Amino acid sequence: MNADELNLPAEVARKLKGKRVTIVEVREGFLLKPVEDPIREARGILKGKGFNVEKYLQSKQLEKDLET
C-alpha cells in the first residue's frame, strides 16, 4: 500500500510521502511500517571501490574457466 492512499495527519503524510507502507497489528493498535527496499538501499555501495561490470564479468568468466 502506498502511504498517499491513506488519510493521515499532515506531518505523518509528509514523512511517508512516496513510500510504501505495511500495516501491522500490534497489541497497542496498528503500526505503519515503511517497506524497506534492499535493492534501492544497496545502490552505490561499490562506488569508488574500483569494481565495475567489466571486472565482475571477468571474475565470472574466471570462475567458469576454473570449473571446467
PDB file of N, CA and C in Angstrom:
ATOM      1  N   MET A   1       0.840  -1.166   0.000  1.00  0.00           N
ATOM      2  CA  MET A   1       0.000   0.000   0.000  1.00  0.00           C
ATOM      3  C   MET A   1       0.891   1.236   0.000  1.00  0.00           C
ATOM      4  N   ASN A   2       0.532   2.217  -0.755  1.00  0.00           N
ATOM      5  CA  ASN A   2       1.263   3.481  -0.779  1.00  0.00           C
ATOM      6  C   ASN A   2       0.756   4.379   0.332  1.00  0.00           C
ATOM      7  N   ALA A   3       1.661   5.092   0.973  1.00  0.00           N
ATOM      8  CA  ALA A   3       1.291   5.968   2.081  1.00  0.00           C
ATOM      9  C   ALA A   3       0.290   7.031   1.647  1.00  0.00           C
ATOM     10  N   ASP A   4       0.365   7.474   0.391  1.00  0.00           N
ATOM     11  CA  ASP A   4      -0.559   8.520  -0.056  1.00  0.00           C
ATOM     12  C   ASP A   4      -1.972   8.003  -0.302  1.00  0.00           C
ATOM     13  N   GLU A   5      -2.212   6.720  -0.119  1.00  0.00           N
ATOM     14  CA  GLU A   5      -3.552   6.151  -0.240  1.00  0.00           C
ATOM     15  C   GLU A   5      -4.299   6.176   1.091  1.00  0.00           C
ATOM     16  N   LEU A   6      -3.621   6.615   2.147  1.00  0.00           N
ATOM     17  CA  LEU A   6      -4.216   6.669   3.476  1.00  0.00           C
ATOM     18  C   LEU A   6      -4.520   8.111   3.854  1.00  0.00           C
ATOM     19  N   ASN A   7      -5.507   8.300   4.726  1.00  0.00           N
ATOM     20  CA  ASN A   7      -5.817   9.623   5.249  1.00  0.00           C
ATOM     21  C   ASN A   7      -5.058   9.778   6.561  1.00  0.00           C
ATOM     22  N   LEU A   8      -3.908  10.441   6.505  1.00  0.00           N
ATOM     23  CA  LEU A   8      -3.015  10.571   7.652  1.00  0.00           C
ATOM     24  C   LEU A   8      -2.868  12.036   8.046  1.00  0.00           C
ATOM     25  N   PRO A   9      -2.475  12.296   9.298  1.00  0.00           N
ATOM     26  CA  PRO A   9      -2.152  13.677   9.669  1.00  0.00           C
ATOM     27  C   PRO A   9      -1.061  14.222   8.744  1.00  0.00           C
ATOM     28  N   ALA A  10      -1.110  15.522   8.490  1.00  0.00           N
ATOM     29  CA  ALA A  10      -0.208  16.146   7.509  1.00  0.00           C
ATOM     30  C   ALA A  10       1.259  15.858   7.797  1.00  0.00           C
ATOM     31  N   GLU A  11       1.682  15.941   9.054  1.00  0.00           N
ATOM     32  CA  GLU A  11       3.092  15.719   9.389  1.00  0.00           C
ATOM     33  C   GLU A  11       3.521  14.291   9.067  1.00  0.00           C
ATOM     34  N   VAL A  12       2.675  13.327   9.386  1.00  0.00           N
ATOM     35  CA  VAL A  12       2.979  11.921   9.103  1.00  0.00           C
ATOM     36  C   VAL A  12       2.984  11.695   7.597  1.00  0.00           C
ATOM     37  N   ALA A  13       2.009  12.274   6.905  1.00  0.00           N
ATOM     38  CA  ALA A  13       1.923  12.120   5.452  1.00  0.00           C
ATOM     39  C   ALA A  13       3.176  12.663   4.773  1.00  0.00           C
ATOM     40  N   ARG A  14       3.702  13.803   5.255  1.00  0.00           N
ATOM     41  CA  ARG A  14       4.925  14.370   4.665  1.00  0.00           C
ATOM     42  C   ARG A  14       6.112  13.429   4.850  1.00  0.00           C
ATOM     43  N   LYS A  15       6.221  12.837   6.025  1.00  0.00           N
ATOM     44  CA  LYS A  15       7.345  11.941   6.300  1.00  0.00           C
ATOM     45  C   LYS A  15       7.281  10.669   5.465  1.00  0.00           C
ATOM     46  N   LEU A  16       6.076  10.214   5.166  1.00  0.00           N
ATOM     47  CA  LEU A  16       5.918   8.953   4.438  1.00  0.00           C
ATOM     48  C   LEU A  16       5.643   9.150   2.952  1.00  0.00           C
ATOM     49  N   LYS A  17       5.581  10.387   2.487  1.00  0.00           N
ATOM     50  CA  LYS A  17       5.223  10.659   1.095  1.00  0.00           C
ATOM     51  C   LYS A  17       6.096   9.870   0.124  1.00  0.00           C
ATOM     52  N   GLY A  18       5.451   9.161  -0.794  1.00  0.00           N
ATOM     53  CA  GLY A  18       6.149   8.397  -1.824  1.00  0.00           C
ATOM     54  C   GLY A  18       6.669   7.052  -1.367  1.00  0.00           C
ATOM     55  N   LYS A  19       6.472   6.716  -0.101  1.00  0.00           N
ATOM     56  CA  LYS A  19       6.967   5.440   0.415  1.00  0.00           C
ATOM     57  C   LYS A  19       5.835   4.426   0.467  1.00  0.00           C
ATOM     58  N   ARG A  20       6.216   3.172   0.323  1.00  0.00           N
ATOM     59  CA  ARG A  20       5.257   2.086   0.501  1.00  0.00           C
ATOM     60  C   ARG A  20       5.268   1.711   1.973  1.00  0.00           C
ATOM     61  N   VAL A  21       4.092   1.428   2.510  1.00  0.00           N
ATOM     62  CA  VAL A  21       3.992   1.066   3.921  1.00  0.00           C
ATOM     63  C   VAL A  21       3.219  -0.233   4.062  1.00  0.00           C
ATOM     64  N   THR A  22       3.472  -0.910   5.160  1.00  0.00           N
ATOM     65  CA  THR A  22       2.693  -2.079   5.515  1.00  0.00           C
ATOM     66  C   THR A  22       2.029  -1.762   6.850  1.00  0.00           C
ATOM     67  N   ILE A  23       0.843  -2.274   7.051  1.00  0.00           N
ATOM     68  CA  ILE A  23       0.121  -2.050   8.293  1.00  0.00           C
ATOM     69  C   ILE A  23       0.208  -3.325   9.110  1.00  0.00           C
ATOM     70  N   VAL A  24       0.755  -3.192  10.316  1.00  0.00           N
ATOM     71  CA  VAL A  24       0.959  -4.337  11.193  1.00  0.00           C
ATOM     72  C   VAL A  24       0.110  -4.126  12.442  1.00  0.00           C
ATOM     73  N   GLU A  25      -0.672  -5.144  12.796  1.00  0.00           N
ATOM     74  CA  GLU A  25      -1.466  -5.046  14.020  1.00  0.00           C
ATOM     75  C   GLU A  25      -0.594  -5.439  15.206  1.00  0.00           C
ATOM     76  N   VAL A  26      -0.529  -4.560  16.188  1.00  0.00           N
ATOM     77  CA  VAL A  26       0.214  -4.812  17.422  1.00  0.00           C
ATOM     78  C   VAL A  26      -0.752  -4.677  18.591  1.00  0.00           C
ATOM     79  N   ARG A  27      -0.291  -5.042  19.778  1.00  0.00           N
ATOM     80  CA  ARG A  27      -1.161  -5.023  20.953  1.00  0.00           C
ATOM     81  C   ARG A  27      -1.771  -3.634  21.180  1.00  0.00           C
ATOM     82  N   GLU A  28      -0.990  -2.593  20.949  1.00  0.00           N
ATOM     83  CA  GLU A  28      -1.447  -1.225  21.202  1.00  0.00           C
ATOM     84  C   GLU A  28      -2.349  -0.672  20.108  1.00  0.00           C
ATOM     85  N   GLY A  29      -2.427  -1.328  18.974  1.00  0.00           N
ATOM     86  CA  GLY A  29      -3.234  -0.843  17.855  1.00  0.00           C
ATOM     87  C   GLY A  29      -2.608  -1.262  16.537  1.00  0.00           C
ATOM     88  N   PHE A  30      -2.428  -0.308  15.647  1.00  0.00           N
ATOM     89  CA  PHE A  30      -1.850  -0.593  14.343  1.00  0.00           C
ATOM     90  C   PHE A  30      -0.576   0.218  14.155  1.00  0.00           C
ATOM     91  N   LEU A  31       0.372  -0.386  13.473  1.00  0.00           N
ATOM     92  CA  LEU A  31       1.668   0.237  13.225  1.00  0.00           C
ATOM     93  C   LEU A  31       1.849   0.390  11.725  1.00  0.00           C
ATOM     94  N   LEU A  32       2.152   1.608  11.284  1.00  0.00           N
ATOM     95  CA  LEU A  32       2.503   1.842   9.880  1.00  0.00           C
ATOM     96  C   LEU A  32       4.004   1.690   9.775  1.00  0.00           C
ATOM     97  N   LYS A  33       4.435   0.761   8.961  1.00  0.00           N
ATOM     98  CA  LYS A  33       5.860   0.487   8.849  1.00  0.00           C
ATOM     99  C   LYS A  33       6.283   0.647   7.389  1.00  0.00           C
ATOM    100  N   PRO A  34       7.243   1.550   7.110  1.00  0.00           N
ATOM    101  CA  PRO A  34       7.728   1.687   5.734  1.00  0.00           C
ATOM    102  C   PRO A  34       8.326   0.362   5.254  1.00  0.00           C
ATOM    103  N   VAL A  35       8.029   0.002   4.016  1.00  0.00           N
ATOM    104  CA  VAL A  35       8.566  -1.217   3.426  1.00  0.00           C
ATOM    105  C   VAL A  35       9.979  -0.913   2.953  1.00  0.00           C
ATOM    106  N   GLU A  36      10.932  -1.690   3.441  1.00  0.00           N
ATOM    107  CA  GLU A  36      12.325  -1.483   3.064  1.00  0.00           C
ATOM    108  C   GLU A  36      12.583  -2.063   1.684  1.00  0.00           C
ATOM    109  N   ASP A  37      13.434  -1.407   0.948  1.00  0.00           N
ATOM    110  CA  ASP A  37      13.812  -1.860  -0.388  1.00  0.00           C
ATOM    111  C   ASP A  37      15.322  -2.080  -0.392  1.00  0.00           C
ATOM    112  N   PRO A  38      15.765  -3.316  -0.118  1.00  0.00           N
ATOM    113  CA  PRO A  38      17.203  -3.562  -0.021  1.00  0.00           C
ATOM    114  C   PRO A  38      17.960  -3.270  -1.309  1.00  0.00           C
ATOM    115  N   ILE A  39      17.315  -3.417  -2.440  1.00  0.00           N
ATOM    116  CA  ILE A  39      17.982  -3.128  -3.714  1.00  0.00           C
ATOM    117  C   ILE A  39      18.275  -1.631  -3.804  1.00  0.00           C
ATOM    118  N   ARG A  40      17.282  -0.823  -3.496  1.00  0.00           N
ATOM    119  CA  ARG A  40      17.474   0.631  -3.552  1.00  0.00           C
ATOM    120  C   ARG A  40      18.516   1.074  -2.528  1.00  0.00           C
ATOM    121  N   GLU A  41      18.494   0.491  -1.339  1.00  0.00           N
ATOM    122  CA  GLU A  41      19.444   0.864  -0.300  1.00  0.00           C
ATOM    123  C   GLU A  41      20.875   0.469  -0.671  1.00  0.00           C
ATOM    124  N   ALA A  42      21.036  -0.579  -1.464  1.00  0.00           N
ATOM    125  CA  ALA A  42      22.369  -1.058  -1.831  1.00  0.00           C
ATOM    126  C   ALA A  42      22.976  -0.281  -3.000  1.00  0.00           C
ATOM    127  N   ARG A  43      22.170   0.525  -3.677  1.00  0.00           N
ATOM    128  CA  ARG A  43      22.697   1.280  -4.820  1.00  0.00           C
ATOM    129  C   ARG A  43      23.871   2.142  -4.403  1.00  0.00           C
ATOM    130  N   GLY A  44      24.936   2.065  -5.166  1.00  0.00           N
ATOM    131  CA  GLY A  44      26.104   2.895  -4.928  1.00  0.00           C
ATOM    132  C   GLY A  44      27.063   2.353  -3.889  1.00  0.00           C
ATOM    133  N   ILE A  45      26.771   1.189  -3.336  1.00  0.00           N
ATOM    134  CA  ILE A  45      27.616   0.645  -2.270  1.00  0.00           C
ATOM    135  C   ILE A  45      29.039   0.357  -2.764  1.00  0.00           C
ATOM    136  N   LEU A  46      29.199   0.047  -4.052  1.00  0.00           N
ATOM    137  CA  LEU A  46      30.525  -0.256  -4.592  1.00  0.00           C
ATOM    138  C   LEU A  46      31.170   0.947  -5.282  1.00  0.00           C
ATOM    139  N   LYS A  47      30.479   2.079  -5.278  1.00  0.00           N
ATOM    140  CA  LYS A  47      31.008   3.269  -5.943  1.00  0.00           C
ATOM    141  C   LYS A  47      32.334   3.676  -5.303  1.00  0.00           C
ATOM    142  N   GLY A  48      33.322   3.897  -6.159  1.00  0.00           N
ATOM    143  CA  GLY A  48      34.632   4.309  -5.674  1.00  0.00           C
ATOM    144  C   GLY A  48      35.494   3.156  -5.184  1.00  0.00           C
ATOM    145  N   LYS A  49      35.010   1.931  -5.308  1.00  0.00           N
ATOM    146  CA  LYS A  49      35.760   0.764  -4.838  1.00  0.00           C
ATOM    147  C   LYS A  49      36.590   0.137  -5.955  1.00  0.00           C
ATOM    148  N   GLY A  50      36.483   0.676  -7.185  1.00  0.00           N
ATOM    149  CA  GLY A  50      37.240   0.124  -8.299  1.00  0.00           C
ATOM    150  C   GLY A  50      36.610  -1.130  -8.882  1.00  0.00           C
ATOM    151  N   PHE A  51      35.391  -1.430  -8.490  1.00  0.00           N
ATOM    152  CA  PHE A  51      34.700  -2.612  -9.000  1.00  0.00           C
ATOM    153  C   PHE A  51      33.646  -2.142  -9.984  1.00  0.00           C
ATOM    154  N   ASN A  52      33.625  -2.756 -11.174  1.00  0.00           N
ATOM    155  CA  ASN A  52      32.641  -2.368 -12.175  1.00  0.00           C
ATOM    156  C   ASN A  52      32.149  -3.609 -12.908  1.00  0.00           C
ATOM    157  N   VAL A  53      31.273  -3.404 -13.860  1.00  0.00           N
ATOM    158  CA  VAL A  53      30.665  -4.521 -14.583  1.00  0.00           C
ATOM    159  C   VAL A  53      31.720  -5.345 -15.310  1.00  0.00           C
ATOM    160  N   GLU A  54      32.687  -4.686 -15.917  1.00  0.00           N
ATOM    161  CA  GLU A  54      33.720  -5.419 -16.653  1.00  0.00           C
ATOM    162  C   GLU A  54      34.501  -6.348 -15.725  1.00  0.00           C
ATOM    163  N   LYS A  55      34.886  -5.833 -14.568  1.00  0.00           N
ATOM    164  CA  LYS A  55      35.622  -6.668 -13.611  1.00  0.00           C
ATOM    165  C   LYS A  55      34.756  -7.813 -13.102  1.00  0.00           C
ATOM    166  N   TYR A  56      33.481  -7.539 -12.899  1.00  0.00           N
ATOM    167  CA  TYR A  56      32.565  -8.592 -12.459  1.00  0.00           C
ATOM    168  C   TYR A  56      32.476  -9.697 -13.511  1.00  0.00           C
ATOM    169  N   LEU A  57      32.303  -9.308 -14.770  1.00  0.00           N
ATOM    170  CA  LEU A  57      32.198 -10.299 -15.842  1.00  0.00           C
ATOM    171  C   LEU A  57      33.495 -11.089 -15.986  1.00  0.00           C
ATOM    172  N   GLN A  58      34.629 -10.435 -15.815  1.00  0.00           N
ATOM    173  CA  GLN A  58      35.912 -11.140 -15.867  1.00  0.00           C
ATOM    174  C   GLN A  58      36.013 -12.164 -14.743  1.00  0.00           C
ATOM    175  N   SER A  59      35.577 -11.790 -13.545  1.00  0.00           N
ATOM    176  CA  SER A  59      35.652 -12.732 -12.421  1.00  0.00           C
ATOM    177  C   SER A  59      34.711 -13.912 -12.636  1.00  0.00           C
ATOM    178  N   LYS A  60      33.535 -13.659 -13.215  1.00  0.00           N
ATOM    179  CA  LYS A  60      32.602 -14.757 -13.502  1.00  0.00           C
ATOM    180  C   LYS A  60      33.176 -15.686 -14.566  1.00  0.00           C
ATOM    181  N   GLN A  61      33.841 -15.122 -15.579  1.00  0.00           N
ATOM    182  CA  GLN A  61      34.461 -15.939 -16.614  1.00  0.00           C
ATOM    183  C   GLN A  61      35.578 -16.780 -16.012  1.00  0.00           C
ATOM    184  N   LEU A  62      36.370 -16.209 -15.119  1.00  0.00           N
ATOM    185  CA  LEU A  62      37.439 -16.941 -14.448  1.00  0.00           C
ATOM    186  C   LEU A  62      36.859 -18.101 -13.634  1.00  0.00           C
ATOM    187  N   GLU A  63      35.776 -17.845 -12.911  1.00  0.00           N
ATOM    188  CA  GLU A  63      35.118 -18.916 -12.153  1.00  0.00           C
ATOM    189  C   GLU A  63      34.662 -20.035 -13.087  1.00  0.00           C
ATOM    190  N   LYS A  64      34.072 -19.643 -14.209  1.00  0.00           N
ATOM    191  CA  LYS A  64      33.579 -20.628 -15.177  1.00  0.00           C
ATOM    192  C   LYS A  64      34.739 -21.449 -15.734  1.00  0.00           C
ATOM    193  N   ASP A  65      35.856 -20.783 -16.053  1.00  0.00           N
ATOM    194  CA  ASP A  65      37.027 -21.480 -16.579  1.00  0.00           C
ATOM    195  C   ASP A  65      37.602 -22.454 -15.553  1.00  0.00           C
ATOM    196  N   LEU A  66      37.588 -22.075 -14.289  1.00  0.00           N
ATOM    197  CA  LEU A  66      38.117 -22.941 -13.235  1.00  0.00           C
ATOM    198  C   LEU A  66      37.236 -24.167 -12.997  1.00  0.00           C
ATOM    199  N   GLU A  67      35.944 -24.038 -13.277  1.00  0.00           N
ATOM    200  CA  GLU A  67      35.021 -25.161 -13.094  1.00  0.00           C
ATOM    201  C   GLU A  67      35.233 -26.249 -14.142  1.00  0.00           C
ATOM    202  N   THR A  68      35.718 -25.873 -15.313  1.00  0.00           N
ATOM    203  CA  THR A  68      35.877 -26.860 -16.398  1.00  0.00           C
ATOM    204  C   THR A  68      37.273 -27.419 -16.443  1.00  0.00           C
TER     205      THR A  68
END
